[in-house]
PDB file of all heavy atoms in Angstrom:
ATOM      1  N   GLY A   1     112.513   2.004 -28.105  1.00  0.00           N
ATOM      2  CA  GLY A   1     113.405   2.542 -27.048  1.00  0.00           C
ATOM      3  C   GLY A   1     113.292   1.628 -25.812  1.00  0.00           C
ATOM      4  O   GLY A   1     112.203   1.253 -25.494  1.00  0.00           O
ATOM      5  N   ARG A   2     114.455   1.307 -25.373  1.00  0.00           N
ATOM      6  CA  ARG A   2     114.631   0.389 -24.254  1.00  0.00           C
ATOM      7  C   ARG A   2     114.821   1.059 -22.948  1.00  0.00           C
ATOM      8  O   ARG A   2     114.417   0.481 -21.874  1.00  0.00           O
ATOM      9  CB  ARG A   2     115.732  -0.668 -24.560  1.00  0.00           C
ATOM     10  CG  ARG A   2     115.498  -1.435 -25.829  1.00  0.00           C
ATOM     11  CD  ARG A   2     116.715  -2.078 -26.272  1.00  0.00           C
ATOM     12  NE  ARG A   2     117.642  -1.104 -26.758  1.00  0.00           N
ATOM     13  CZ  ARG A   2     117.569  -0.471 -27.878  1.00  0.00           C
ATOM     14  NH1 ARG A   2     116.523  -0.732 -28.717  1.00  0.00           N
ATOM     15  NH2 ARG A   2     118.349   0.446 -28.349  1.00  0.00           N
ATOM     16  N   SER A   3     115.405   2.327 -22.933  1.00  0.00           N
ATOM     17  CA  SER A   3     115.664   3.041 -21.789  1.00  0.00           C
ATOM     18  C   SER A   3     115.672   4.519 -22.220  1.00  0.00           C
ATOM     19  O   SER A   3     115.894   4.761 -23.305  1.00  0.00           O
ATOM     20  CB  SER A   3     116.950   2.632 -21.021  1.00  0.00           C
ATOM     21  OG  SER A   3     118.141   3.133 -21.927  1.00  0.00           O
ATOM     22  N   PRO A   4     115.574   5.374 -21.310  1.00  0.00           N
ATOM     23  CA  PRO A   4     115.559   6.944 -21.608  1.00  0.00           C
ATOM     24  C   PRO A   4     116.968   7.223 -22.357  1.00  0.00           C
ATOM     25  O   PRO A   4     117.065   7.904 -23.303  1.00  0.00           O
ATOM     26  CB  PRO A   4     115.413   7.584 -20.226  1.00  0.00           C
ATOM     27  CG  PRO A   4     114.649   6.627 -19.407  1.00  0.00           C
ATOM     28  CD  PRO A   4     115.171   5.243 -19.785  1.00  0.00           C
ATOM     29  N   GLU A   5     118.066   6.626 -21.754  1.00  0.00           N
ATOM     30  CA  GLU A   5     119.401   6.978 -22.286  1.00  0.00           C
ATOM     31  C   GLU A   5     119.550   6.366 -23.802  1.00  0.00           C
ATOM     32  O   GLU A   5     120.050   7.164 -24.577  1.00  0.00           O
ATOM     33  CB  GLU A   5     120.439   6.259 -21.493  1.00  0.00           C
ATOM     34  CG  GLU A   5     120.639   6.967 -20.020  1.00  0.00           C
ATOM     35  CD  GLU A   5     119.636   6.441 -19.231  1.00  0.00           C
ATOM     36  OE1 GLU A   5     118.815   5.564 -19.330  1.00  0.00           O
ATOM     37  OE2 GLU A   5     119.353   7.065 -18.105  1.00  0.00           O
ATOM     38  N   GLU A   6     118.981   5.197 -23.972  1.00  0.00           N
ATOM     39  CA  GLU A   6     119.147   4.713 -25.326  1.00  0.00           C
ATOM     40  C   GLU A   6     118.276   5.344 -26.309  1.00  0.00           C
ATOM     41  O   GLU A   6     118.623   5.608 -27.530  1.00  0.00           O
ATOM     42  CB  GLU A   6     118.823   3.080 -25.327  1.00  0.00           C
ATOM     43  CG  GLU A   6     120.032   2.331 -24.581  1.00  0.00           C
ATOM     44  CD  GLU A   6     119.591   0.823 -24.426  1.00  0.00           C
ATOM     45  OE1 GLU A   6     118.374   0.551 -24.759  1.00  0.00           O
ATOM     46  OE2 GLU A   6     120.414   0.000 -24.150  1.00  0.00           O
ATOM     47  N   LEU A   7     116.957   5.683 -25.909  1.00  0.00           N
ATOM     48  CA  LEU A   7     116.094   6.462 -26.752  1.00  0.00           C
ATOM     49  C   LEU A   7     116.675   7.728 -27.114  1.00  0.00           C
ATOM     50  O   LEU A   7     116.669   8.210 -28.243  1.00  0.00           O
ATOM     51  CB  LEU A   7     114.754   6.585 -26.045  1.00  0.00           C
ATOM     52  CG  LEU A   7     113.774   7.344 -26.826  1.00  0.00           C
ATOM     53  CD1 LEU A   7     113.578   6.782 -28.239  1.00  0.00           C
ATOM     54  CD2 LEU A   7     112.369   7.390 -26.050  1.00  0.00           C
ATOM     55  N   ALA A   8     117.271   8.538 -26.136  1.00  0.00           N
ATOM     56  CA  ALA A   8     117.875   9.797 -26.311  1.00  0.00           C
ATOM     57  C   ALA A   8     118.899   9.763 -27.290  1.00  0.00           C
ATOM     58  O   ALA A   8     119.045  10.479 -28.185  1.00  0.00           O
ATOM     59  CB  ALA A   8     118.392  10.436 -24.998  1.00  0.00           C
ATOM     60  N   THR A   9     119.792   8.699 -27.228  1.00  0.00           N
ATOM     61  CA  THR A   9     120.979   8.516 -28.043  1.00  0.00           C
ATOM     62  C   THR A   9     120.451   8.307 -29.596  1.00  0.00           C
ATOM     63  O   THR A   9     120.877   8.904 -30.532  1.00  0.00           O
ATOM     64  CB  THR A   9     121.794   7.412 -27.715  1.00  0.00           C
ATOM     65  OG1 THR A   9     122.331   7.621 -26.387  1.00  0.00           O
ATOM     66  CG2 THR A   9     122.937   7.178 -28.661  1.00  0.00           C
ATOM     67  N   ASP A  10     119.410   7.503 -29.697  1.00  0.00           N
ATOM     68  CA  ASP A  10     118.876   7.053 -30.985  1.00  0.00           C
ATOM     69  C   ASP A  10     118.299   8.286 -31.666  1.00  0.00           C
ATOM     70  O   ASP A  10     118.566   8.616 -32.782  1.00  0.00           O
ATOM     71  CB  ASP A  10     117.846   5.956 -30.808  1.00  0.00           C
ATOM     72  CG  ASP A  10     118.413   4.656 -30.613  1.00  0.00           C
ATOM     73  OD1 ASP A  10     119.679   4.430 -30.649  1.00  0.00           O
ATOM     74  OD2 ASP A  10     117.651   3.693 -30.059  1.00  0.00           O
ATOM     75  N   LEU A  11     117.521   9.084 -30.872  1.00  0.00           N
ATOM     76  CA  LEU A  11     116.874  10.297 -31.372  1.00  0.00           C
ATOM     77  C   LEU A  11     117.853  11.363 -31.741  1.00  0.00           C
ATOM     78  O   LEU A  11     117.778  12.092 -32.774  1.00  0.00           O
ATOM     79  CB  LEU A  11     115.713  10.898 -30.480  1.00  0.00           C
ATOM     80  CG  LEU A  11     114.595  10.055 -30.167  1.00  0.00           C
ATOM     81  CD1 LEU A  11     113.748  10.677 -29.263  1.00  0.00           C
ATOM     82  CD2 LEU A  11     113.842   9.651 -31.542  1.00  0.00           C
ATOM     83  N   THR A  12     118.858  11.554 -30.847  1.00  0.00           N
ATOM     84  CA  THR A  12     119.881  12.488 -31.250  1.00  0.00           C
ATOM     85  C   THR A  12     120.660  12.216 -32.526  1.00  0.00           C
ATOM     86  O   THR A  12     120.880  13.145 -33.347  1.00  0.00           O
ATOM     87  CB  THR A  12     120.980  12.604 -30.058  1.00  0.00           C
ATOM     88  OG1 THR A  12     120.290  12.987 -28.969  1.00  0.00           O
ATOM     89  CG2 THR A  12     122.043  13.674 -30.311  1.00  0.00           C
ATOM     90  N   ASP A  13     120.992  10.932 -32.642  1.00  0.00           N
ATOM     91  CA  ASP A  13     121.636  10.403 -33.973  1.00  0.00           C
ATOM     92  C   ASP A  13     120.761  10.709 -35.128  1.00  0.00           C
ATOM     93  O   ASP A  13     121.234  11.079 -36.199  1.00  0.00           O
ATOM     94  CB  ASP A  13     122.069   9.079 -33.868  1.00  0.00           C
ATOM     95  CG  ASP A  13     123.197   8.811 -32.882  1.00  0.00           C
ATOM     96  OD1 ASP A  13     123.907   9.764 -32.473  1.00  0.00           O
ATOM     97  OD2 ASP A  13     123.392   7.628 -32.436  1.00  0.00           O
ATOM     98  N   PHE A  14     119.496  10.484 -34.939  1.00  0.00           N
ATOM     99  CA  PHE A  14     118.534  10.490 -36.197  1.00  0.00           C
ATOM    100  C   PHE A  14     118.396  11.964 -36.440  1.00  0.00           C
ATOM    101  O   PHE A  14     118.456  12.244 -37.722  1.00  0.00           O
ATOM    102  CB  PHE A  14     117.258   9.933 -35.649  1.00  0.00           C
ATOM    103  CG  PHE A  14     115.981  10.281 -36.652  1.00  0.00           C
ATOM    104  CD1 PHE A  14     115.746   9.464 -37.730  1.00  0.00           C
ATOM    105  CD2 PHE A  14     115.121  11.403 -36.310  1.00  0.00           C
ATOM    106  CE1 PHE A  14     114.753   9.721 -38.576  1.00  0.00           C
ATOM    107  CE2 PHE A  14     114.082  11.641 -37.165  1.00  0.00           C
ATOM    108  CZ  PHE A  14     113.896  10.708 -38.386  1.00  0.00           C
ATOM    109  N   LEU A  15     118.226  12.945 -35.531  1.00  0.00           N
ATOM    110  CA  LEU A  15     118.010  14.337 -35.825  1.00  0.00           C
ATOM    111  C   LEU A  15     119.341  14.824 -36.487  1.00  0.00           C
ATOM    112  O   LEU A  15     119.181  15.672 -37.404  1.00  0.00           O
ATOM    113  CB  LEU A  15     117.689  15.110 -34.586  1.00  0.00           C
ATOM    114  CG  LEU A  15     116.297  14.810 -34.011  1.00  0.00           C
ATOM    115  CD1 LEU A  15     116.173  15.443 -32.595  1.00  0.00           C
ATOM    116  CD2 LEU A  15     115.267  15.248 -34.950  1.00  0.00           C
ATOM    117  N   ASP A  16     120.514  14.511 -35.898  1.00  0.00           N
ATOM    118  CA  ASP A  16     121.804  14.893 -36.548  1.00  0.00           C
ATOM    119  C   ASP A  16     121.889  14.450 -37.936  1.00  0.00           C
ATOM    120  O   ASP A  16     122.533  15.147 -38.763  1.00  0.00           O
ATOM    121  CB  ASP A  16     122.953  14.453 -35.736  1.00  0.00           C
ATOM    122  CG  ASP A  16     124.242  15.097 -36.172  1.00  0.00           C
ATOM    123  OD1 ASP A  16     124.384  16.292 -36.234  1.00  0.00           O
ATOM    124  OD2 ASP A  16     125.256  14.267 -36.341  1.00  0.00           O
ATOM    125  N   ARG A  17     121.395  13.269 -38.319  1.00  0.00           N
ATOM    126  CA  ARG A  17     121.468  12.670 -39.639  1.00  0.00           C
ATOM    127  C   ARG A  17     120.505  13.218 -40.585  1.00  0.00           C
ATOM    128  O   ARG A  17     120.809  13.439 -41.888  1.00  0.00           O
ATOM    129  CB  ARG A  17     121.402  11.189 -39.549  1.00  0.00           C
ATOM    130  CG  ARG A  17     121.598  10.422 -40.893  1.00  0.00           C
ATOM    131  CD  ARG A  17     121.498   8.897 -40.658  1.00  0.00           C
ATOM    132  NE  ARG A  17     120.293   8.540 -40.093  1.00  0.00           N
ATOM    133  CZ  ARG A  17     119.905   7.947 -38.876  1.00  0.00           C
ATOM    134  NH1 ARG A  17     120.946   8.035 -38.011  1.00  0.00           N
ATOM    135  NH2 ARG A  17     118.896   7.545 -38.575  1.00  0.00           N
ATOM    136  N   GLU A  18     119.238  13.501 -40.159  1.00  0.00           N
ATOM    137  CA  GLU A  18     118.285  13.823 -41.077  1.00  0.00           C
ATOM    138  C   GLU A  18     118.007  15.325 -41.407  1.00  0.00           C
ATOM    139  O   GLU A  18     117.325  15.748 -42.438  1.00  0.00           O
ATOM    140  CB  GLU A  18     116.874  13.199 -40.547  1.00  0.00           C
ATOM    141  CG  GLU A  18     116.920  11.666 -40.564  1.00  0.00           C
ATOM    142  CD  GLU A  18     117.008  11.199 -41.839  1.00  0.00           C
ATOM    143  OE1 GLU A  18     116.492  11.710 -42.847  1.00  0.00           O
ATOM    144  OE2 GLU A  18     117.648   9.973 -42.086  1.00  0.00           O
ATOM    145  N   LEU A  19     118.219  16.188 -40.403  1.00  0.00           N
ATOM    146  CA  LEU A  19     118.073  17.644 -40.515  1.00  0.00           C
ATOM    147  C   LEU A  19     119.342  18.319 -40.851  1.00  0.00           C
ATOM    148  O   LEU A  19     120.557  17.844 -40.482  1.00  0.00           O
ATOM    149  CB  LEU A  19     117.298  18.209 -39.333  1.00  0.00           C
ATOM    150  CG  LEU A  19     115.883  17.663 -39.181  1.00  0.00           C
ATOM    151  CD1 LEU A  19     115.373  18.277 -37.780  1.00  0.00           C
ATOM    152  CD2 LEU A  19     115.064  18.241 -40.344  1.00  0.00           C
ATOM    153  N   PRO A  20     119.329  19.615 -41.391  1.00  0.00           N
ATOM    154  CA  PRO A  20     120.508  20.190 -41.720  1.00  0.00           C
ATOM    155  C   PRO A  20     121.496  20.459 -40.526  1.00  0.00           C
ATOM    156  O   PRO A  20     121.029  20.337 -39.325  1.00  0.00           O
ATOM    157  CB  PRO A  20     119.990  21.617 -42.134  1.00  0.00           C
ATOM    158  CG  PRO A  20     118.632  21.361 -42.790  1.00  0.00           C
ATOM    159  CD  PRO A  20     118.051  20.274 -41.917  1.00  0.00           C
ATOM    160  N   PRO A  21     122.773  20.651 -40.689  1.00  0.00           N
ATOM    161  CA  PRO A  21     123.676  20.715 -39.645  1.00  0.00           C
ATOM    162  C   PRO A  21     123.413  21.607 -38.554  1.00  0.00           C
ATOM    163  O   PRO A  21     123.254  22.943 -38.675  1.00  0.00           O
ATOM    164  CB  PRO A  21     125.003  21.176 -40.319  1.00  0.00           C
ATOM    165  CG  PRO A  21     124.842  20.866 -41.718  1.00  0.00           C
ATOM    166  CD  PRO A  21     123.340  20.968 -42.092  1.00  0.00           C
ATOM    167  N   SER A  22     122.979  21.130 -37.328  1.00  0.00           N
ATOM    168  CA  SER A  22     122.766  21.827 -36.062  1.00  0.00           C
ATOM    169  C   SER A  22     123.184  21.062 -35.045  1.00  0.00           C
ATOM    170  O   SER A  22     123.645  19.858 -35.198  1.00  0.00           O
ATOM    171  CB  SER A  22     121.153  21.960 -36.029  1.00  0.00           C
ATOM    172  OG  SER A  22     120.649  22.820 -36.937  1.00  0.00           O
ATOM    173  N   GLU A  23     123.144  21.571 -33.788  1.00  0.00           N
ATOM    174  CA  GLU A  23     123.621  20.966 -32.646  1.00  0.00           C
ATOM    175  C   GLU A  23     122.372  20.353 -31.846  1.00  0.00           C
ATOM    176  O   GLU A  23     121.508  21.225 -31.660  1.00  0.00           O
ATOM    177  CB  GLU A  23     124.599  21.671 -31.803  1.00  0.00           C
ATOM    178  CG  GLU A  23     125.853  22.041 -32.434  1.00  0.00           C
ATOM    179  CD  GLU A  23     126.750  22.950 -31.583  1.00  0.00           C
ATOM    180  OE1 GLU A  23     126.407  24.185 -31.555  1.00  0.00           O
ATOM    181  OE2 GLU A  23     127.629  22.503 -30.849  1.00  0.00           O
ATOM    182  N   TRP A  24     122.394  19.175 -31.413  1.00  0.00           N
ATOM    183  CA  TRP A  24     121.277  18.650 -30.777  1.00  0.00           C
ATOM    184  C   TRP A  24     121.601  17.941 -29.410  1.00  0.00           C
ATOM    185  O   TRP A  24     122.560  17.494 -29.225  1.00  0.00           O
ATOM    186  CB  TRP A  24     120.644  17.410 -31.747  1.00  0.00           C
ATOM    187  CG  TRP A  24     120.264  17.949 -33.137  1.00  0.00           C
ATOM    188  CD1 TRP A  24     121.094  17.881 -34.283  1.00  0.00           C
ATOM    189  CD2 TRP A  24     118.914  18.424 -33.501  1.00  0.00           C
ATOM    190  NE1 TRP A  24     120.394  18.295 -35.287  1.00  0.00           N
ATOM    191  CE2 TRP A  24     119.150  18.761 -34.892  1.00  0.00           C
ATOM    192  CE3 TRP A  24     117.775  18.696 -32.861  1.00  0.00           C
ATOM    193  CZ2 TRP A  24     118.036  19.327 -35.546  1.00  0.00           C
ATOM    194  CZ3 TRP A  24     116.795  19.257 -33.489  1.00  0.00           C
ATOM    195  CH2 TRP A  24     116.819  19.521 -34.990  1.00  0.00           C
ATOM    196  N   ALA A  25     120.418  17.920 -28.564  1.00  0.00           N
ATOM    197  CA  ALA A  25     120.439  17.208 -27.392  1.00  0.00           C
ATOM    198  C   ALA A  25     119.049  16.710 -26.970  1.00  0.00           C
ATOM    199  O   ALA A  25     118.098  17.477 -27.211  1.00  0.00           O
ATOM    200  CB  ALA A  25     121.014  18.070 -26.329  1.00  0.00           C
ATOM    201  N   VAL A  26     118.987  15.564 -26.529  1.00  0.00           N
ATOM    202  CA  VAL A  26     117.675  15.079 -25.973  1.00  0.00           C
ATOM    203  C   VAL A  26     117.924  14.660 -24.552  1.00  0.00           C
ATOM    204  O   VAL A  26     118.870  13.943 -24.255  1.00  0.00           O
ATOM    205  CB  VAL A  26     117.305  13.776 -26.724  1.00  0.00           C
ATOM    206  CG1 VAL A  26     116.004  13.120 -26.206  1.00  0.00           C
ATOM    207  CG2 VAL A  26     117.077  14.230 -28.268  1.00  0.00           C
ATOM    208  N   GLY A  27     117.059  15.063 -23.663  1.00  0.00           N
ATOM    209  CA  GLY A  27     117.286  14.881 -22.208  1.00  0.00           C
ATOM    210  C   GLY A  27     115.925  15.077 -21.441  1.00  0.00           C
ATOM    211  O   GLY A  27     114.858  14.988 -21.883  1.00  0.00           O
ATOM    212  N   GLU A  28     116.098  15.449 -20.213  1.00  0.00           N
ATOM    213  CA  GLU A  28     115.092  15.613 -19.124  1.00  0.00           C
ATOM    214  C   GLU A  28     114.921  17.023 -18.796  1.00  0.00           C
ATOM    215  O   GLU A  28     116.062  17.657 -18.445  1.00  0.00           O
ATOM    216  CB  GLU A  28     115.265  14.740 -18.022  1.00  0.00           C
ATOM    217  CG  GLU A  28     115.221  13.183 -18.340  1.00  0.00           C
ATOM    218  CD  GLU A  28     115.524  12.415 -17.137  1.00  0.00           C
ATOM    219  OE1 GLU A  28     116.249  12.849 -16.107  1.00  0.00           O
ATOM    220  OE2 GLU A  28     115.132  11.226 -17.213  1.00  0.00           O
ATOM    221  N   LEU A  29     113.814  17.607 -18.707  1.00  0.00           N
ATOM    222  CA  LEU A  29     113.558  18.957 -18.251  1.00  0.00           C
ATOM    223  C   LEU A  29     113.091  18.705 -16.760  1.00  0.00           C
ATOM    224  O   LEU A  29     111.996  18.177 -16.553  1.00  0.00           O
ATOM    225  CB  LEU A  29     112.586  19.666 -19.104  1.00  0.00           C
ATOM    226  CG  LEU A  29     112.263  21.078 -18.613  1.00  0.00           C
ATOM    227  CD1 LEU A  29     113.484  22.004 -18.600  1.00  0.00           C
ATOM    228  CD2 LEU A  29     111.097  21.713 -19.477  1.00  0.00           C
ATOM    229  N   THR A  30     113.745  19.199 -15.825  1.00  0.00           N
ATOM    230  CA  THR A  30     113.467  19.012 -14.509  1.00  0.00           C
ATOM    231  C   THR A  30     113.410  20.425 -13.724  1.00  0.00           C
ATOM    232  O   THR A  30     113.649  21.438 -14.419  1.00  0.00           O
ATOM    233  CB  THR A  30     114.625  18.086 -13.654  1.00  0.00           C
ATOM    234  OG1 THR A  30     115.704  18.877 -13.666  1.00  0.00           O
ATOM    235  CG2 THR A  30     114.808  16.917 -14.464  1.00  0.00           C
ATOM    236  N   ALA A  31     113.040  20.454 -12.447  1.00  0.00           N
ATOM    237  CA  ALA A  31     113.027  21.604 -11.669  1.00  0.00           C
ATOM    238  C   ALA A  31     114.396  22.249 -11.620  1.00  0.00           C
ATOM    239  O   ALA A  31     114.415  23.572 -11.551  1.00  0.00           O
ATOM    240  CB  ALA A  31     112.458  21.368 -10.340  1.00  0.00           C
ATOM    241  N   GLY A  32     115.422  21.499 -11.748  1.00  0.00           N
ATOM    242  CA  GLY A  32     116.719  22.106 -11.682  1.00  0.00           C
ATOM    243  C   GLY A  32     117.230  22.591 -13.006  1.00  0.00           C
ATOM    244  O   GLY A  32     118.413  23.148 -13.062  1.00  0.00           O
ATOM    245  N   GLY A  33     116.636  22.233 -14.100  1.00  0.00           N
ATOM    246  CA  GLY A  33     117.031  22.784 -15.410  1.00  0.00           C
ATOM    247  C   GLY A  33     116.930  21.618 -16.430  1.00  0.00           C
ATOM    248  O   GLY A  33     116.206  20.642 -16.328  1.00  0.00           O
ATOM    249  N   PHE A  34     117.770  21.626 -17.445  1.00  0.00           N
ATOM    250  CA  PHE A  34     117.759  20.668 -18.570  1.00  0.00           C
ATOM    251  C   PHE A  34     118.978  19.822 -18.367  1.00  0.00           C
ATOM    252  O   PHE A  34     120.120  20.290 -18.256  1.00  0.00           O
ATOM    253  CB  PHE A  34     117.733  21.315 -19.948  1.00  0.00           C
ATOM    254  CG  PHE A  34     117.904  20.341 -21.146  1.00  0.00           C
ATOM    255  CD1 PHE A  34     116.819  19.539 -21.521  1.00  0.00           C
ATOM    256  CD2 PHE A  34     119.060  20.216 -21.685  1.00  0.00           C
ATOM    257  CE1 PHE A  34     116.917  18.696 -22.596  1.00  0.00           C
ATOM    258  CE2 PHE A  34     119.241  19.367 -22.765  1.00  0.00           C
ATOM    259  CZ  PHE A  34     118.139  18.651 -23.193  1.00  0.00           C
ATOM    260  N   ARG A  35     118.761  18.415 -18.349  1.00  0.00           N
ATOM    261  CA  ARG A  35     119.907  17.443 -18.188  1.00  0.00           C
ATOM    262  C   ARG A  35     119.798  16.594 -19.551  1.00  0.00           C
ATOM    263  O   ARG A  35     119.012  15.891 -19.741  1.00  0.00           O
ATOM    264  CB  ARG A  35     119.634  16.652 -17.014  1.00  0.00           C
ATOM    265  CG  ARG A  35     120.846  15.629 -16.741  1.00  0.00           C
ATOM    266  CD  ARG A  35     120.664  14.907 -15.410  1.00  0.00           C
ATOM    267  NE  ARG A  35     119.562  13.921 -15.504  1.00  0.00           N
ATOM    268  CZ  ARG A  35     119.696  12.645 -15.892  1.00  0.00           C
ATOM    269  NH1 ARG A  35     120.966  12.179 -16.180  1.00  0.00           N
ATOM    270  NH2 ARG A  35     118.807  11.835 -15.974  1.00  0.00           N
ATOM    271  N   ALA A  36     120.938  16.761 -20.260  1.00  0.00           N
ATOM    272  CA  ALA A  36     121.159  16.028 -21.524  1.00  0.00           C
ATOM    273  C   ALA A  36     121.486  14.585 -21.220  1.00  0.00           C
ATOM    274  O   ALA A  36     122.328  14.300 -20.437  1.00  0.00           O
ATOM    275  CB  ALA A  36     122.106  16.682 -22.412  1.00  0.00           C
ATOM    276  N   LEU A  37     120.678  13.692 -21.925  1.00  0.00           N
ATOM    277  CA  LEU A  37     120.999  12.267 -21.820  1.00  0.00           C
ATOM    278  C   LEU A  37     121.896  11.909 -23.096  1.00  0.00           C
ATOM    279  O   LEU A  37     122.602  10.867 -23.114  1.00  0.00           O
ATOM    280  CB  LEU A  37     119.786  11.379 -21.772  1.00  0.00           C
ATOM    281  CG  LEU A  37     118.818  11.709 -20.709  1.00  0.00           C
ATOM    282  CD1 LEU A  37     117.548  10.839 -20.824  1.00  0.00           C
ATOM    283  CD2 LEU A  37     119.573  11.283 -19.427  1.00  0.00           C
ATOM    284  N   ALA A  38     121.759  12.643 -24.175  1.00  0.00           N
ATOM    285  CA  ALA A  38     122.608  12.400 -25.372  1.00  0.00           C
ATOM    286  C   ALA A  38     122.642  13.781 -26.115  1.00  0.00           C
ATOM    287  O   ALA A  38     121.808  14.506 -26.093  1.00  0.00           O
ATOM    288  CB  ALA A  38     122.048  11.389 -26.267  1.00  0.00           C
ATOM    289  N   SER A  39     123.825  13.971 -26.615  1.00  0.00           N
ATOM    290  CA  SER A  39     124.084  15.363 -27.096  1.00  0.00           C
ATOM    291  C   SER A  39     125.238  15.328 -28.246  1.00  0.00           C
ATOM    292  O   SER A  39     126.149  14.536 -28.269  1.00  0.00           O
ATOM    293  CB  SER A  39     124.520  16.341 -26.126  1.00  0.00           C
ATOM    294  OG  SER A  39     124.933  17.642 -26.564  1.00  0.00           O
ATOM    295  N   THR A  40     125.000  16.427 -29.246  1.00  0.00           N
ATOM    296  CA  THR A  40     126.096  16.475 -30.256  1.00  0.00           C
ATOM    297  C   THR A  40     126.635  17.960 -30.117  1.00  0.00           C
ATOM    298  O   THR A  40     127.600  18.350 -30.970  1.00  0.00           O
ATOM    299  CB  THR A  40     125.531  16.425 -31.741  1.00  0.00           C
ATOM    300  OG1 THR A  40     124.560  17.428 -31.970  1.00  0.00           O
ATOM    301  CG2 THR A  40     124.838  15.139 -31.975  1.00  0.00           C
ATOM    302  N   PHE A  41     126.311  18.610 -29.020  1.00  0.00           N
ATOM    303  CA  PHE A  41     126.806  20.012 -28.742  1.00  0.00           C
ATOM    304  C   PHE A  41     128.353  19.762 -28.447  1.00  0.00           C
ATOM    305  O   PHE A  41     128.784  18.954 -27.740  1.00  0.00           O
ATOM    306  CB  PHE A  41     126.162  20.534 -27.620  1.00  0.00           C
ATOM    307  CG  PHE A  41     124.924  21.225 -27.820  1.00  0.00           C
ATOM    308  CD1 PHE A  41     123.694  20.495 -27.991  1.00  0.00           C
ATOM    309  CD2 PHE A  41     124.728  22.673 -27.943  1.00  0.00           C
ATOM    310  CE1 PHE A  41     122.423  21.051 -28.268  1.00  0.00           C
ATOM    311  CE2 PHE A  41     123.545  23.294 -28.198  1.00  0.00           C
ATOM    312  CZ  PHE A  41     122.413  22.464 -28.326  1.00  0.00           C
ATOM    313  N   ARG A  42     129.147  20.732 -29.079  1.00  0.00           N
ATOM    314  CA  ARG A  42     130.556  20.667 -28.855  1.00  0.00           C
ATOM    315  C   ARG A  42     130.849  21.127 -27.485  1.00  0.00           C
ATOM    316  O   ARG A  42     131.920  20.649 -26.788  1.00  0.00           O
ATOM    317  CB  ARG A  42     131.349  21.555 -29.899  1.00  0.00           C
ATOM    318  CG  ARG A  42     131.254  20.933 -31.274  1.00  0.00           C
ATOM    319  CD  ARG A  42     132.084  21.793 -32.273  1.00  0.00           C
ATOM    320  NE  ARG A  42     131.475  23.006 -32.534  1.00  0.00           N
ATOM    321  CZ  ARG A  42     130.571  23.236 -33.550  1.00  0.00           C
ATOM    322  NH1 ARG A  42     130.221  22.273 -34.303  1.00  0.00           N
ATOM    323  NH2 ARG A  42     130.048  24.373 -33.763  1.00  0.00           N
ATOM    324  N   GLU A  43     130.051  21.989 -26.980  1.00  0.00           N
ATOM    325  CA  GLU A  43     130.274  22.519 -25.586  1.00  0.00           C
ATOM    326  C   GLU A  43     129.000  22.539 -24.961  1.00  0.00           C
ATOM    327  O   GLU A  43     127.940  22.929 -25.542  1.00  0.00           O
ATOM    328  CB  GLU A  43     130.877  23.973 -25.494  1.00  0.00           C
ATOM    329  CG  GLU A  43     132.280  24.015 -26.103  1.00  0.00           C
ATOM    330  CD  GLU A  43     132.847  25.432 -26.021  1.00  0.00           C
ATOM    331  OE1 GLU A  43     132.145  26.326 -25.755  1.00  0.00           O
ATOM    332  OE2 GLU A  43     134.091  25.648 -26.525  1.00  0.00           O
ATOM    333  N   THR A  44     128.879  22.239 -23.547  1.00  0.00           N
ATOM    334  CA  THR A  44     127.557  22.166 -22.904  1.00  0.00           C
ATOM    335  C   THR A  44     127.060  23.524 -22.961  1.00  0.00           C
ATOM    336  O   THR A  44     127.629  24.535 -22.509  1.00  0.00           O
ATOM    337  CB  THR A  44     127.875  21.669 -21.407  1.00  0.00           C
ATOM    338  OG1 THR A  44     128.360  20.389 -21.506  1.00  0.00           O
ATOM    339  CG2 THR A  44     126.441  21.645 -20.661  1.00  0.00           C
ATOM    340  N   PRO A  45     125.859  23.809 -23.497  1.00  0.00           N
ATOM    341  CA  PRO A  45     125.175  25.027 -23.621  1.00  0.00           C
ATOM    342  C   PRO A  45     124.787  25.589 -22.183  1.00  0.00           C
ATOM    343  O   PRO A  45     124.190  24.852 -21.521  1.00  0.00           O
ATOM    344  CB  PRO A  45     124.142  24.974 -24.679  1.00  0.00           C
ATOM    345  CG  PRO A  45     123.712  23.501 -24.409  1.00  0.00           C
ATOM    346  CD  PRO A  45     124.943  22.705 -24.140  1.00  0.00           C
TER     347      PRO A  45
END
C-alpha cells in the first residue's frame, strides 16, 4: 500500500473478487462518521 486511498481501492477490489457477491467499502472511521475511500456500494449507505 502506497497511500490510504490506493490501499483502500486494492482491498475493496480484492474483497469484491474473493468473497461472494456483497457490497464493500474501505475507509476511515472518524468522530464524524464513516468516510469511504473506495466503495462498490451502488448507493452511499
